[in-house]
Amino acid sequence: PKQKDDFVAFWDPDKKVGEWGTGKHEKGKLVTLPNGEKVTHNGVGSIALYQYNEKSELVFISNCSSGMDYAFQAKLSSGDFPFVCVVEYPERTYMSDGEKTNALRHPVFLEKREDKDSDECVNDRL
C-alpha cells in the first residue's frame, strides 16, 4: 500500500540540498512545455525533503525527483523554496527503529500545498 505525507521541500544544490538537473532539466536550457510555451529551465533536478521533529528541528528525509510535472519543475527557481508538498511512497525507514536513515523508498512528488505552513510538517518518530 502507498503512503502519503507532507514534507518541506528545499533546493540549494550548491549547498548539497537537492540536486541540479541534467539533460532536459539543465539550468539555462530553453525548453518547450507541453502547452507550447518556451521557458528557460532554472535547473531544479531533485528536491530535498525535510520534516520537523518534536524539538522543532528540521530533519533531512530524502531527495525526490519523480512525479514533478515538467512545467512546474521547469519554472521552479531558488526563490520558490521552501514550500510544503505531498509525497507518496511505498515504504519508509526510521532511525528511531534502528535503521540507518529516515528515508523514503521510491518517493513520488504529488503536489505543492498552498494551505499548509512548513512548521506543520512534524513527525514525532524522528
PDB file of N, CA and C in Angstrom:
ATOM      1  N   PRO A   1       0.828  -1.205   0.000  1.00  0.00           N
ATOM      2  CA  PRO A   1       0.000   0.000   0.000  1.00  0.00           C
ATOM      3  C   PRO A   1       0.866   1.261   0.000  1.00  0.00           C
ATOM      4  N   LYS A   2       0.404   2.262  -0.694  1.00  0.00           N
ATOM      5  CA  LYS A   2       1.117   3.537  -0.760  1.00  0.00           C
ATOM      6  C   LYS A   2       0.758   4.386   0.456  1.00  0.00           C
ATOM      7  N   GLN A   3       1.720   5.168   0.894  1.00  0.00           N
ATOM      8  CA  GLN A   3       1.510   6.092   1.990  1.00  0.00           C
ATOM      9  C   GLN A   3       1.747   7.501   1.466  1.00  0.00           C
ATOM     10  N   LYS A   4       1.122   8.491   2.099  1.00  0.00           N
ATOM     11  CA  LYS A   4       1.319   9.888   1.740  1.00  0.00           C
ATOM     12  C   LYS A   4       1.637  10.668   3.002  1.00  0.00           C
ATOM     13  N   ASP A   5       2.465  11.696   2.829  1.00  0.00           N
ATOM     14  CA  ASP A   5       2.761  12.583   3.941  1.00  0.00           C
ATOM     15  C   ASP A   5       3.182  13.933   3.373  1.00  0.00           C
ATOM     16  N   ASP A   6       3.191  14.937   4.236  1.00  0.00           N
ATOM     17  CA  ASP A   6       3.601  16.280   3.858  1.00  0.00           C
ATOM     18  C   ASP A   6       5.042  16.508   4.282  1.00  0.00           C
ATOM     19  N   PHE A   7       5.786  17.188   3.422  1.00  0.00           N
ATOM     20  CA  PHE A   7       7.198  17.458   3.653  1.00  0.00           C
ATOM     21  C   PHE A   7       7.501  18.900   3.294  1.00  0.00           C
ATOM     22  N   VAL A   8       8.571  19.423   3.865  1.00  0.00           N
ATOM     23  CA  VAL A   8       9.069  20.736   3.494  1.00  0.00           C
ATOM     24  C   VAL A   8      10.122  20.508   2.412  1.00  0.00           C
ATOM     25  N   ALA A   9       9.932  21.136   1.260  1.00  0.00           N
ATOM     26  CA  ALA A   9      10.853  20.984   0.135  1.00  0.00           C
ATOM     27  C   ALA A   9      11.850  22.135   0.117  1.00  0.00           C
ATOM     28  N   PHE A  10      13.119  21.781  -0.030  1.00  0.00           N
ATOM     29  CA  PHE A  10      14.198  22.758  -0.166  1.00  0.00           C
ATOM     30  C   PHE A  10      14.990  22.421  -1.420  1.00  0.00           C
ATOM     31  N   TRP A  11      15.672  23.435  -1.946  1.00  0.00           N
ATOM     32  CA  TRP A  11      16.558  23.204  -3.084  1.00  0.00           C
ATOM     33  C   TRP A  11      17.650  24.258  -3.087  1.00  0.00           C
ATOM     34  N   ASP A  12      18.861  23.841  -2.846  1.00  0.00           N
ATOM     35  CA  ASP A  12      20.049  24.688  -2.935  1.00  0.00           C
ATOM     36  C   ASP A  12      21.217  23.755  -3.226  1.00  0.00           C
ATOM     37  N   PRO A  13      21.338  23.310  -4.487  1.00  0.00           N
ATOM     38  CA  PRO A  13      22.333  22.284  -4.815  1.00  0.00           C
ATOM     39  C   PRO A  13      23.776  22.702  -4.549  1.00  0.00           C
ATOM     40  N   ASP A  14      24.056  24.000  -4.530  1.00  0.00           N
ATOM     41  CA  ASP A  14      25.416  24.435  -4.208  1.00  0.00           C
ATOM     42  C   ASP A  14      25.774  24.106  -2.762  1.00  0.00           C
ATOM     43  N   LYS A  15      24.745  23.925  -1.925  1.00  0.00           N
ATOM     44  CA  LYS A  15      24.950  23.530  -0.522  1.00  0.00           C
ATOM     45  C   LYS A  15      24.581  22.063  -0.302  1.00  0.00           C
ATOM     46  N   LYS A  16      24.481  21.296  -1.387  1.00  0.00           N
ATOM     47  CA  LYS A  16      24.151  19.864  -1.343  1.00  0.00           C
ATOM     48  C   LYS A  16      22.750  19.607  -0.792  1.00  0.00           C
ATOM     49  N   VAL A  17      21.826  20.512  -1.077  1.00  0.00           N
ATOM     50  CA  VAL A  17      20.418  20.370  -0.691  1.00  0.00           C
ATOM     51  C   VAL A  17      19.629  20.254  -1.982  1.00  0.00           C
ATOM     52  N   GLY A  18      19.241  19.029  -2.333  1.00  0.00           N
ATOM     53  CA  GLY A  18      18.661  18.784  -3.643  1.00  0.00           C
ATOM     54  C   GLY A  18      19.786  18.689  -4.658  1.00  0.00           C
ATOM     55  N   GLU A  19      19.408  18.533  -5.913  1.00  0.00           N
ATOM     56  CA  GLU A  19      20.418  18.351  -6.955  1.00  0.00           C
ATOM     57  C   GLU A  19      20.079  19.169  -8.182  1.00  0.00           C
ATOM     58  N   TRP A  20      21.138  19.556  -8.915  1.00  0.00           N
ATOM     59  CA  TRP A  20      20.956  20.219 -10.196  1.00  0.00           C
ATOM     60  C   TRP A  20      20.352  19.225 -11.180  1.00  0.00           C
ATOM     61  N   GLY A  21      19.558  19.736 -12.092  1.00  0.00           N
ATOM     62  CA  GLY A  21      19.005  18.907 -13.143  1.00  0.00           C
ATOM     63  C   GLY A  21      20.031  18.656 -14.229  1.00  0.00           C
ATOM     64  N   THR A  22      19.823  17.599 -14.972  1.00  0.00           N
ATOM     65  CA  THR A  22      20.671  17.273 -16.117  1.00  0.00           C
ATOM     66  C   THR A  22      19.775  17.037 -17.323  1.00  0.00           C
ATOM     67  N   GLY A  23      20.369  16.985 -18.495  1.00  0.00           N
ATOM     68  CA  GLY A  23      19.581  16.741 -19.706  1.00  0.00           C
ATOM     69  C   GLY A  23      18.557  17.831 -19.913  1.00  0.00           C
ATOM     70  N   LYS A  24      17.299  17.462 -20.079  1.00  0.00           N
ATOM     71  CA  LYS A  24      16.260  18.468 -20.325  1.00  0.00           C
ATOM     72  C   LYS A  24      15.967  19.315 -19.083  1.00  0.00           C
ATOM     73  N   HIS A  25      16.545  18.964 -17.939  1.00  0.00           N
ATOM     74  CA  HIS A  25      16.371  19.737 -16.708  1.00  0.00           C
ATOM     75  C   HIS A  25      17.566  20.637 -16.406  1.00  0.00           C
ATOM     76  N   GLU A  26      18.477  20.756 -17.346  1.00  0.00           N
ATOM     77  CA  GLU A  26      19.705  21.514 -17.132  1.00  0.00           C
ATOM     78  C   GLU A  26      19.427  23.017 -17.023  1.00  0.00           C
ATOM     79  N   LYS A  27      20.136  23.676 -16.096  1.00  0.00           N
ATOM     80  CA  LYS A  27      19.963  25.109 -15.887  1.00  0.00           C
ATOM     81  C   LYS A  27      20.299  25.870 -17.164  1.00  0.00           C
ATOM     82  N   GLY A  28      19.417  26.811 -17.505  1.00  0.00           N
ATOM     83  CA  GLY A  28      19.632  27.667 -18.660  1.00  0.00           C
ATOM     84  C   GLY A  28      19.162  27.085 -19.975  1.00  0.00           C
ATOM     85  N   LYS A  29      18.711  25.846 -19.960  1.00  0.00           N
ATOM     86  CA  LYS A  29      18.264  25.203 -21.199  1.00  0.00           C
ATOM     87  C   LYS A  29      16.886  25.745 -21.585  1.00  0.00           C
ATOM     88  N   LEU A  30      16.745  26.162 -22.828  1.00  0.00           N
ATOM     89  CA  LEU A  30      15.461  26.618 -23.334  1.00  0.00           C
ATOM     90  C   LEU A  30      14.623  25.382 -23.636  1.00  0.00           C
ATOM     91  N   VAL A  31      13.468  25.289 -23.002  1.00  0.00           N
ATOM     92  CA  VAL A  31      12.621  24.110 -23.170  1.00  0.00           C
ATOM     93  C   VAL A  31      11.222  24.532 -23.607  1.00  0.00           C
ATOM     94  N   THR A  32      10.568  23.646 -24.298  1.00  0.00           N
ATOM     95  CA  THR A  32       9.193  23.861 -24.715  1.00  0.00           C
ATOM     96  C   THR A  32       8.295  23.013 -23.829  1.00  0.00           C
ATOM     97  N   LEU A  33       7.385  23.673 -23.132  1.00  0.00           N
ATOM     98  CA  LEU A  33       6.453  22.979 -22.249  1.00  0.00           C
ATOM     99  C   LEU A  33       5.359  22.317 -23.071  1.00  0.00           C
ATOM    100  N   PRO A  34       4.622  21.378 -22.472  1.00  0.00           N
ATOM    101  CA  PRO A  34       3.563  20.683 -23.222  1.00  0.00           C
ATOM    102  C   PRO A  34       2.526  21.612 -23.861  1.00  0.00           C
ATOM    103  N   ASN A  35       2.326  22.803 -23.280  1.00  0.00           N
ATOM    104  CA  ASN A  35       1.349  23.746 -23.845  1.00  0.00           C
ATOM    105  C   ASN A  35       1.947  24.614 -24.955  1.00  0.00           C
ATOM    106  N   GLY A  36       3.229  24.377 -25.310  1.00  0.00           N
ATOM    107  CA  GLY A  36       3.887  25.128 -26.368  1.00  0.00           C
ATOM    108  C   GLY A  36       4.686  26.324 -25.875  1.00  0.00           C
ATOM    109  N   GLU A  37       4.489  26.704 -24.602  1.00  0.00           N
ATOM    110  CA  GLU A  37       5.234  27.827 -24.028  1.00  0.00           C
ATOM    111  C   GLU A  37       6.714  27.483 -23.936  1.00  0.00           C
ATOM    112  N   LYS A  38       7.563  28.439 -24.251  1.00  0.00           N
ATOM    113  CA  LYS A  38       9.007  28.249 -24.144  1.00  0.00           C
ATOM    114  C   LYS A  38       9.498  28.958 -22.886  1.00  0.00           C
ATOM    115  N   VAL A  39      10.246  28.244 -22.060  1.00  0.00           N
ATOM    116  CA  VAL A  39      10.816  28.819 -20.837  1.00  0.00           C
ATOM    117  C   VAL A  39      12.264  28.375 -20.707  1.00  0.00           C
ATOM    118  N   THR A  40      13.012  29.141 -19.960  1.00  0.00           N
ATOM    119  CA  THR A  40      14.377  28.760 -19.634  1.00  0.00           C
ATOM    120  C   THR A  40      14.336  27.984 -18.332  1.00  0.00           C
ATOM    121  N   HIS A  41      14.786  26.744 -18.354  1.00  0.00           N
ATOM    122  CA  HIS A  41      14.758  25.884 -17.167  1.00  0.00           C
ATOM    123  C   HIS A  41      15.715  26.442 -16.122  1.00  0.00           C
ATOM    124  N   ASN A  42      15.285  26.469 -14.882  1.00  0.00           N
ATOM    125  CA  ASN A  42      16.093  27.013 -13.787  1.00  0.00           C
ATOM    126  C   ASN A  42      17.025  25.990 -13.153  1.00  0.00           C
ATOM    127  N   GLY A  43      16.988  24.758 -13.631  1.00  0.00           N
ATOM    128  CA  GLY A  43      17.956  23.768 -13.177  1.00  0.00           C
ATOM    129  C   GLY A  43      17.539  22.877 -12.036  1.00  0.00           C
ATOM    130  N   VAL A  44      16.287  22.954 -11.603  1.00  0.00           N
ATOM    131  CA  VAL A  44      15.854  22.094 -10.499  1.00  0.00           C
ATOM    132  C   VAL A  44      15.810  20.650 -10.981  1.00  0.00           C
ATOM    133  N   GLY A  45      16.566  19.803 -10.302  1.00  0.00           N
ATOM    134  CA  GLY A  45      16.554  18.371 -10.568  1.00  0.00           C
ATOM    135  C   GLY A  45      15.740  17.707  -9.483  1.00  0.00           C
ATOM    136  N   SER A  46      16.414  17.239  -8.444  1.00  0.00           N
ATOM    137  CA  SER A  46      15.691  16.673  -7.305  1.00  0.00           C
ATOM    138  C   SER A  46      15.600  17.715  -6.196  1.00  0.00           C
ATOM    139  N   ILE A  47      14.537  17.613  -5.419  1.00  0.00           N
ATOM    140  CA  ILE A  47      14.346  18.484  -4.267  1.00  0.00           C
ATOM    141  C   ILE A  47      14.639  17.679  -3.007  1.00  0.00           C
ATOM    142  N   ALA A  48      15.051  18.366  -1.958  1.00  0.00           N
ATOM    143  CA  ALA A  48      15.329  17.723  -0.675  1.00  0.00           C
ATOM    144  C   ALA A  48      14.085  17.831   0.205  1.00  0.00           C
ATOM    145  N   LEU A  49      13.690  16.709   0.787  1.00  0.00           N
ATOM    146  CA  LEU A  49      12.503  16.656   1.648  1.00  0.00           C
ATOM    147  C   LEU A  49      12.924  16.627   3.112  1.00  0.00           C
ATOM    148  N   TYR A  50      12.255  17.438   3.905  1.00  0.00           N
ATOM    149  CA  TYR A  50      12.528  17.528   5.339  1.00  0.00           C
ATOM    150  C   TYR A  50      11.219  17.465   6.102  1.00  0.00           C
ATOM    151  N   GLN A  51      11.309  17.083   7.383  1.00  0.00           N
ATOM    152  CA  GLN A  51      10.205  17.200   8.325  1.00  0.00           C
ATOM    153  C   GLN A  51      10.792  17.675   9.651  1.00  0.00           C
ATOM    154  N   TYR A  52       9.946  18.258  10.472  1.00  0.00           N
ATOM    155  CA  TYR A  52      10.366  18.686  11.798  1.00  0.00           C
ATOM    156  C   TYR A  52      10.200  17.545  12.789  1.00  0.00           C
ATOM    157  N   ASN A  53      11.126  17.447  13.748  1.00  0.00           N
ATOM    158  CA  ASN A  53      10.955  16.511  14.845  1.00  0.00           C
ATOM    159  C   ASN A  53      10.234  17.232  15.986  1.00  0.00           C
ATOM    160  N   GLU A  54      10.051  16.553  17.109  1.00  0.00           N
ATOM    161  CA  GLU A  54       9.331  17.136  18.244  1.00  0.00           C
ATOM    162  C   GLU A  54      10.051  18.334  18.857  1.00  0.00           C
ATOM    163  N   LYS A  55      11.346  18.473  18.596  1.00  0.00           N
ATOM    164  CA  LYS A  55      12.134  19.597  19.113  1.00  0.00           C
ATOM    165  C   LYS A  55      12.139  20.775  18.145  1.00  0.00           C
ATOM    166  N   SER A  56      11.304  20.718  17.120  1.00  0.00           N
ATOM    167  CA  SER A  56      11.219  21.751  16.077  1.00  0.00           C
ATOM    168  C   SER A  56      12.505  21.893  15.277  1.00  0.00           C
ATOM    169  N   GLU A  57      13.246  20.788  15.127  1.00  0.00           N
ATOM    170  CA  GLU A  57      14.451  20.757  14.312  1.00  0.00           C
ATOM    171  C   GLU A  57      14.101  20.132  12.966  1.00  0.00           C
ATOM    172  N   LEU A  58      14.598  20.743  11.892  1.00  0.00           N
ATOM    173  CA  LEU A  58      14.385  20.170  10.567  1.00  0.00           C
ATOM    174  C   LEU A  58      15.287  18.956  10.397  1.00  0.00           C
ATOM    175  N   VAL A  59      14.705  17.855   9.939  1.00  0.00           N
ATOM    176  CA  VAL A  59      15.445  16.610   9.739  1.00  0.00           C
ATOM    177  C   VAL A  59      15.340  16.232   8.263  1.00  0.00           C
ATOM    178  N   PHE A  60      16.498  16.005   7.633  1.00  0.00           N
ATOM    179  CA  PHE A  60      16.508  15.571   6.238  1.00  0.00           C
ATOM    180  C   PHE A  60      15.919  14.170   6.142  1.00  0.00           C
ATOM    181  N   ILE A  61      15.038  13.978   5.152  1.00  0.00           N
ATOM    182  CA  ILE A  61      14.411  12.679   4.934  1.00  0.00           C
ATOM    183  C   ILE A  61      15.015  12.016   3.694  1.00  0.00           C
ATOM    184  N   SER A  62      14.853  12.615   2.543  1.00  0.00           N
ATOM    185  CA  SER A  62      15.435  12.078   1.314  1.00  0.00           C
ATOM    186  C   SER A  62      15.248  13.080   0.181  1.00  0.00           C
ATOM    187  N   ASN A  63      15.895  12.812  -0.939  1.00  0.00           N
ATOM    188  CA  ASN A  63      15.676  13.603  -2.143  1.00  0.00           C
ATOM    189  C   ASN A  63      14.521  13.002  -2.932  1.00  0.00           C
ATOM    190  N   CYS A  64      13.906  13.827  -3.766  1.00  0.00           N
ATOM    191  CA  CYS A  64      12.792  13.368  -4.587  1.00  0.00           C
ATOM    192  C   CYS A  64      12.838  14.100  -5.927  1.00  0.00           C
ATOM    193  N   SER A  65      12.794  13.339  -7.011  1.00  0.00           N
ATOM    194  CA  SER A  65      12.732  13.960  -8.341  1.00  0.00           C
ATOM    195  C   SER A  65      11.563  13.416  -9.150  1.00  0.00           C
ATOM    196  N   SER A  66      11.057  12.293  -8.778  1.00  0.00           N
ATOM    197  CA  SER A  66       9.987  11.644  -9.522  1.00  0.00           C
ATOM    198  C   SER A  66       8.642  12.309  -9.250  1.00  0.00           C
ATOM    199  N   GLY A  67       7.819  12.372 -10.295  1.00  0.00           N
ATOM    200  CA  GLY A  67       6.442  12.814 -10.138  1.00  0.00           C
ATOM    201  C   GLY A  67       6.186  14.284 -10.389  1.00  0.00           C
ATOM    202  N   MET A  68       7.231  15.117 -10.411  1.00  0.00           N
ATOM    203  CA  MET A  68       7.001  16.542 -10.635  1.00  0.00           C
ATOM    204  C   MET A  68       6.584  16.790 -12.073  1.00  0.00           C
ATOM    205  N   ASP A  69       5.485  17.497 -12.261  1.00  0.00           N
ATOM    206  CA  ASP A  69       5.044  17.908 -13.578  1.00  0.00           C
ATOM    207  C   ASP A  69       6.168  18.726 -14.209  1.00  0.00           C
ATOM    208  N   TYR A  70       6.483  18.439 -15.472  1.00  0.00           N
ATOM    209  CA  TYR A  70       7.628  19.081 -16.110  1.00  0.00           C
ATOM    210  C   TYR A  70       7.489  20.600 -16.154  1.00  0.00           C
ATOM    211  N   ALA A  71       6.310  21.108 -16.443  1.00  0.00           N
ATOM    212  CA  ALA A  71       6.103  22.558 -16.492  1.00  0.00           C
ATOM    213  C   ALA A  71       6.345  23.174 -15.118  1.00  0.00           C
ATOM    214  N   PHE A  72       5.856  22.534 -14.079  1.00  0.00           N
ATOM    215  CA  PHE A  72       6.059  23.008 -12.714  1.00  0.00           C
ATOM    216  C   PHE A  72       7.550  23.018 -12.378  1.00  0.00           C
ATOM    217  N   GLN A  73       8.223  21.914 -12.674  1.00  0.00           N
ATOM    218  CA  GLN A  73       9.638  21.780 -12.358  1.00  0.00           C
ATOM    219  C   GLN A  73      10.489  22.773 -13.144  1.00  0.00           C
ATOM    220  N   ALA A  74      10.195  22.972 -14.412  1.00  0.00           N
ATOM    221  CA  ALA A  74      10.974  23.877 -15.257  1.00  0.00           C
ATOM    222  C   ALA A  74      10.905  25.312 -14.760  1.00  0.00           C
ATOM    223  N   LYS A  75       9.763  25.697 -14.197  1.00  0.00           N
ATOM    224  CA  LYS A  75       9.569  27.075 -13.741  1.00  0.00           C
ATOM    225  C   LYS A  75      10.058  27.312 -12.314  1.00  0.00           C
ATOM    226  N   LEU A  76      10.348  26.250 -11.557  1.00  0.00           N
ATOM    227  CA  LEU A  76      10.830  26.424 -10.186  1.00  0.00           C
ATOM    228  C   LEU A  76      12.177  27.120 -10.181  1.00  0.00           C
ATOM    229  N   SER A  77      12.385  27.995  -9.204  1.00  0.00           N
ATOM    230  CA  SER A  77      13.689  28.629  -9.009  1.00  0.00           C
ATOM    231  C   SER A  77      13.976  28.662  -7.516  1.00  0.00           C
ATOM    232  N   SER A  78      15.167  29.053  -7.159  1.00  0.00           N
ATOM    233  CA  SER A  78      15.562  29.046  -5.747  1.00  0.00           C
ATOM    234  C   SER A  78      14.640  29.907  -4.890  1.00  0.00           C
ATOM    235  N   GLY A  79      14.045  30.941  -5.465  1.00  0.00           N
ATOM    236  CA  GLY A  79      13.141  31.803  -4.714  1.00  0.00           C
ATOM    237  C   GLY A  79      11.813  31.158  -4.349  1.00  0.00           C
ATOM    238  N   ASP A  80      11.495  30.017  -4.936  1.00  0.00           N
ATOM    239  CA  ASP A  80      10.239  29.319  -4.644  1.00  0.00           C
ATOM    240  C   ASP A  80      10.323  28.439  -3.405  1.00  0.00           C
ATOM    241  N   PHE A  81      11.514  28.251  -2.878  1.00  0.00           N
ATOM    242  CA  PHE A  81      11.731  27.352  -1.741  1.00  0.00           C
ATOM    243  C   PHE A  81      11.916  28.144  -0.464  1.00  0.00           C
ATOM    244  N   PRO A  82      11.553  27.574   0.692  1.00  0.00           N
ATOM    245  CA  PRO A  82      10.915  26.277   0.872  1.00  0.00           C
ATOM    246  C   PRO A  82       9.413  26.349   0.599  1.00  0.00           C
ATOM    247  N   PHE A  83       8.841  25.170   0.358  1.00  0.00           N
ATOM    248  CA  PHE A  83       7.396  25.043   0.251  1.00  0.00           C
ATOM    249  C   PHE A  83       6.995  23.663   0.767  1.00  0.00           C
ATOM    250  N   VAL A  84       5.709  23.521   1.071  1.00  0.00           N
ATOM    251  CA  VAL A  84       5.184  22.248   1.564  1.00  0.00           C
ATOM    252  C   VAL A  84       4.643  21.466   0.380  1.00  0.00           C
ATOM    253  N   CYS A  85       4.931  20.164   0.371  1.00  0.00           N
ATOM    254  CA  CYS A  85       4.435  19.315  -0.710  1.00  0.00           C
ATOM    255  C   CYS A  85       3.963  17.972  -0.157  1.00  0.00           C
ATOM    256  N   VAL A  86       3.120  17.327  -0.942  1.00  0.00           N
ATOM    257  CA  VAL A  86       2.629  15.990  -0.626  1.00  0.00           C
ATOM    258  C   VAL A  86       3.462  15.006  -1.439  1.00  0.00           C
ATOM    259  N   VAL A  87       3.956  13.979  -0.767  1.00  0.00           N
ATOM    260  CA  VAL A  87       4.770  12.955  -1.413  1.00  0.00           C
ATOM    261  C   VAL A  87       4.188  11.586  -1.073  1.00  0.00           C
ATOM    262  N   GLU A  88       4.149  10.730  -2.079  1.00  0.00           N
ATOM    263  CA  GLU A  88       3.666   9.361  -1.905  1.00  0.00           C
ATOM    264  C   GLU A  88       4.863   8.416  -1.954  1.00  0.00           C
ATOM    265  N   TYR A  89       4.806   7.352  -1.166  1.00  0.00           N
ATOM    266  CA  TYR A  89       5.904   6.390  -1.110  1.00  0.00           C
ATOM    267  C   TYR A  89       5.377   5.048  -0.597  1.00  0.00           C
ATOM    268  N   PRO A  90       5.996   3.949  -1.014  1.00  0.00           N
ATOM    269  CA  PRO A  90       5.535   2.642  -0.561  1.00  0.00           C
ATOM    270  C   PRO A  90       6.131   2.208   0.782  1.00  0.00           C
ATOM    271  N   GLU A  91       7.284   2.783   1.143  1.00  0.00           N
ATOM    272  CA  GLU A  91       7.960   2.325   2.358  1.00  0.00           C
ATOM    273  C   GLU A  91       8.829   3.434   2.917  1.00  0.00           C
ATOM    274  N   ARG A  92       9.007   3.407   4.239  1.00  0.00           N
ATOM    275  CA  ARG A  92       9.827   4.413   4.910  1.00  0.00           C
ATOM    276  C   ARG A  92      10.597   3.757   6.047  1.00  0.00           C
ATOM    277  N   THR A  93      11.822   4.227   6.262  1.00  0.00           N
ATOM    278  CA  THR A  93      12.619   3.740   7.382  1.00  0.00           C
ATOM    279  C   THR A  93      12.795   4.862   8.401  1.00  0.00           C
ATOM    280  N   TYR A  94      13.035   4.483   9.649  1.00  0.00           N
ATOM    281  CA  TYR A  94      13.236   5.453  10.729  1.00  0.00           C
ATOM    282  C   TYR A  94      14.462   5.072  11.546  1.00  0.00           C
ATOM    283  N   MET A  95      15.290   6.059  11.804  1.00  0.00           N
ATOM    284  CA  MET A  95      16.446   5.841  12.661  1.00  0.00           C
ATOM    285  C   MET A  95      15.999   5.456  14.071  1.00  0.00           C
ATOM    286  N   SER A  96      14.847   5.951  14.497  1.00  0.00           N
ATOM    287  CA  SER A  96      14.332   5.611  15.832  1.00  0.00           C
ATOM    288  C   SER A  96      13.982   4.129  15.939  1.00  0.00           C
ATOM    289  N   ASP A  97      13.844   3.443  14.797  1.00  0.00           N
ATOM    290  CA  ASP A  97      13.595   1.996  14.780  1.00  0.00           C
ATOM    291  C   ASP A  97      14.883   1.208  14.563  1.00  0.00           C
ATOM    292  N   GLY A  98      16.028   1.914  14.590  1.00  0.00           N
ATOM    293  CA  GLY A  98      17.307   1.243  14.417  1.00  0.00           C
ATOM    294  C   GLY A  98      17.817   1.223  12.981  1.00  0.00           C
ATOM    295  N   GLU A  99      17.100   1.871  12.067  1.00  0.00           N
ATOM    296  CA  GLU A  99      17.540   1.922  10.670  1.00  0.00           C
ATOM    297  C   GLU A  99      18.656   2.954  10.512  1.00  0.00           C
ATOM    298  N   LYS A 100      19.330   2.938   9.370  1.00  0.00           N
ATOM    299  CA  LYS A 100      20.442   3.858   9.121  1.00  0.00           C
ATOM    300  C   LYS A 100      19.980   5.257   8.730  1.00  0.00           C
ATOM    301  N   THR A 101      18.775   5.374   8.164  1.00  0.00           N
ATOM    302  CA  THR A 101      18.269   6.670   7.707  1.00  0.00           C
ATOM    303  C   THR A 101      16.783   6.800   8.019  1.00  0.00           C
ATOM    304  N   ASN A 102      16.264   8.002   7.777  1.00  0.00           N
ATOM    305  CA  ASN A 102      14.824   8.270   7.865  1.00  0.00           C
ATOM    306  C   ASN A 102      14.217   8.336   6.468  1.00  0.00           C
ATOM    307  N   ALA A 103      14.807   7.649   5.531  1.00  0.00           N
ATOM    308  CA  ALA A 103      14.494   7.821   4.112  1.00  0.00           C
ATOM    309  C   ALA A 103      13.170   7.196   3.679  1.00  0.00           C
ATOM    310  N   LEU A 104      12.689   7.735   2.546  1.00  0.00           N
ATOM    311  CA  LEU A 104      11.532   7.183   1.854  1.00  0.00           C
ATOM    312  C   LEU A 104      12.043   6.300   0.726  1.00  0.00           C
ATOM    313  N   ARG A 105      11.350   5.225   0.463  1.00  0.00           N
ATOM    314  CA  ARG A 105      11.690   4.377  -0.678  1.00  0.00           C
ATOM    315  C   ARG A 105      10.811   4.799  -1.852  1.00  0.00           C
ATOM    316  N   HIS A 106      11.413   5.105  -2.968  1.00  0.00           N
ATOM    317  CA  HIS A 106      10.725   5.493  -4.208  1.00  0.00           C
ATOM    318  C   HIS A 106       9.698   6.619  -3.995  1.00  0.00           C
ATOM    319  N   PRO A 107      10.150   7.775  -3.470  1.00  0.00           N
ATOM    320  CA  PRO A 107       9.207   8.879  -3.266  1.00  0.00           C
ATOM    321  C   PRO A 107       8.733   9.473  -4.587  1.00  0.00           C
ATOM    322  N   VAL A 108       7.464   9.859  -4.623  1.00  0.00           N
ATOM    323  CA  VAL A 108       6.863  10.467  -5.810  1.00  0.00           C
ATOM    324  C   VAL A 108       6.169  11.760  -5.383  1.00  0.00           C
ATOM    325  N   PHE A 109       6.615  12.869  -5.947  1.00  0.00           N
ATOM    326  CA  PHE A 109       6.017  14.173  -5.686  1.00  0.00           C
ATOM    327  C   PHE A 109       4.596  14.180  -6.255  1.00  0.00           C
ATOM    328  N   LEU A 110       3.620  14.581  -5.436  1.00  0.00           N
ATOM    329  CA  LEU A 110       2.236  14.640  -5.913  1.00  0.00           C
ATOM    330  C   LEU A 110       1.780  16.065  -6.171  1.00  0.00           C
ATOM    331  N   GLU A 111       2.024  16.952  -5.201  1.00  0.00           N
ATOM    332  CA  GLU A 111       1.562  18.327  -5.379  1.00  0.00           C
ATOM    333  C   GLU A 111       2.176  19.255  -4.341  1.00  0.00           C
ATOM    334  N   LYS A 112       2.180  20.522  -4.699  1.00  0.00           N
ATOM    335  CA  LYS A 112       2.569  21.576  -3.772  1.00  0.00           C
ATOM    336  C   LYS A 112       1.336  21.954  -2.972  1.00  0.00           C
ATOM    337  N   ARG A 113       1.511  22.189  -1.669  1.00  0.00           N
ATOM    338  CA  ARG A 113       0.389  22.577  -0.808  1.00  0.00           C
ATOM    339  C   ARG A 113       0.491  24.046  -0.462  1.00  0.00           C
ATOM    340  N   GLU A 114      -0.509  24.786  -0.826  1.00  0.00           N
ATOM    341  CA  GLU A 114      -0.563  26.219  -0.501  1.00  0.00           C
ATOM    342  C   GLU A 114      -1.261  26.450   0.839  1.00  0.00           C
ATOM    343  N   ASP A 115      -1.960  25.425   1.340  1.00  0.00           N
ATOM    344  CA  ASP A 115      -2.797  25.576   2.521  1.00  0.00           C
ATOM    345  C   ASP A 115      -2.116  25.143   3.820  1.00  0.00           C
ATOM    346  N   LYS A 116      -0.833  24.854   3.775  1.00  0.00           N
ATOM    347  CA  LYS A 116      -0.145  24.354   4.962  1.00  0.00           C
ATOM    348  C   LYS A 116       1.195  25.058   5.117  1.00  0.00           C
ATOM    349  N   ASP A 117       1.544  25.401   6.356  1.00  0.00           N
ATOM    350  CA  ASP A 117       2.829  26.031   6.637  1.00  0.00           C
ATOM    351  C   ASP A 117       3.894  24.977   6.921  1.00  0.00           C
ATOM    352  N   SER A 118       5.127  25.338   6.664  1.00  0.00           N
ATOM    353  CA  SER A 118       6.262  24.416   6.859  1.00  0.00           C
ATOM    354  C   SER A 118       6.305  23.854   8.270  1.00  0.00           C
ATOM    355  N   ASP A 119       6.038  24.686   9.267  1.00  0.00           N
ATOM    356  CA  ASP A 119       6.154  24.220  10.650  1.00  0.00           C
ATOM    357  C   ASP A 119       5.069  23.227  11.052  1.00  0.00           C
ATOM    358  N   GLU A 120       4.143  22.948  10.157  1.00  0.00           N
ATOM    359  CA  GLU A 120       3.112  21.940  10.406  1.00  0.00           C
ATOM    360  C   GLU A 120       3.549  20.543   9.956  1.00  0.00           C
ATOM    361  N   CYS A 121       4.708  20.437   9.334  1.00  0.00           N
ATOM    362  CA  CYS A 121       5.207  19.152   8.850  1.00  0.00           C
ATOM    363  C   CYS A 121       6.046  18.495   9.944  1.00  0.00           C
ATOM    364  N   VAL A 122       5.356  18.005  10.957  1.00  0.00           N
ATOM    365  CA  VAL A 122       6.001  17.427  12.136  1.00  0.00           C
ATOM    366  C   VAL A 122       5.811  15.910  12.131  1.00  0.00           C
ATOM    367  N   ASN A 123       6.871  15.194  12.418  1.00  0.00           N
ATOM    368  CA  ASN A 123       6.788  13.733  12.534  1.00  0.00           C
ATOM    369  C   ASN A 123       7.389  13.362  13.882  1.00  0.00           C
ATOM    370  N   ASP A 124       6.568  12.829  14.770  1.00  0.00           N
ATOM    371  CA  ASP A 124       7.036  12.521  16.135  1.00  0.00           C
ATOM    372  C   ASP A 124       7.923  11.285  16.221  1.00  0.00           C
ATOM    373  N   ARG A 125       8.127  10.594  15.105  1.00  0.00           N
ATOM    374  CA  ARG A 125       9.018   9.422  15.105  1.00  0.00           C
ATOM    375  C   ARG A 125      10.457   9.803  14.794  1.00  0.00           C
ATOM    376  N   LEU A 126      10.695  11.054  14.418  1.00  0.00           N
ATOM    377  CA  LEU A 126      12.052  11.491  14.066  1.00  0.00           C
ATOM    378  C   LEU A 126      12.857  11.806  15.322  1.00  0.00           C
TER     379      LEU A 126
END
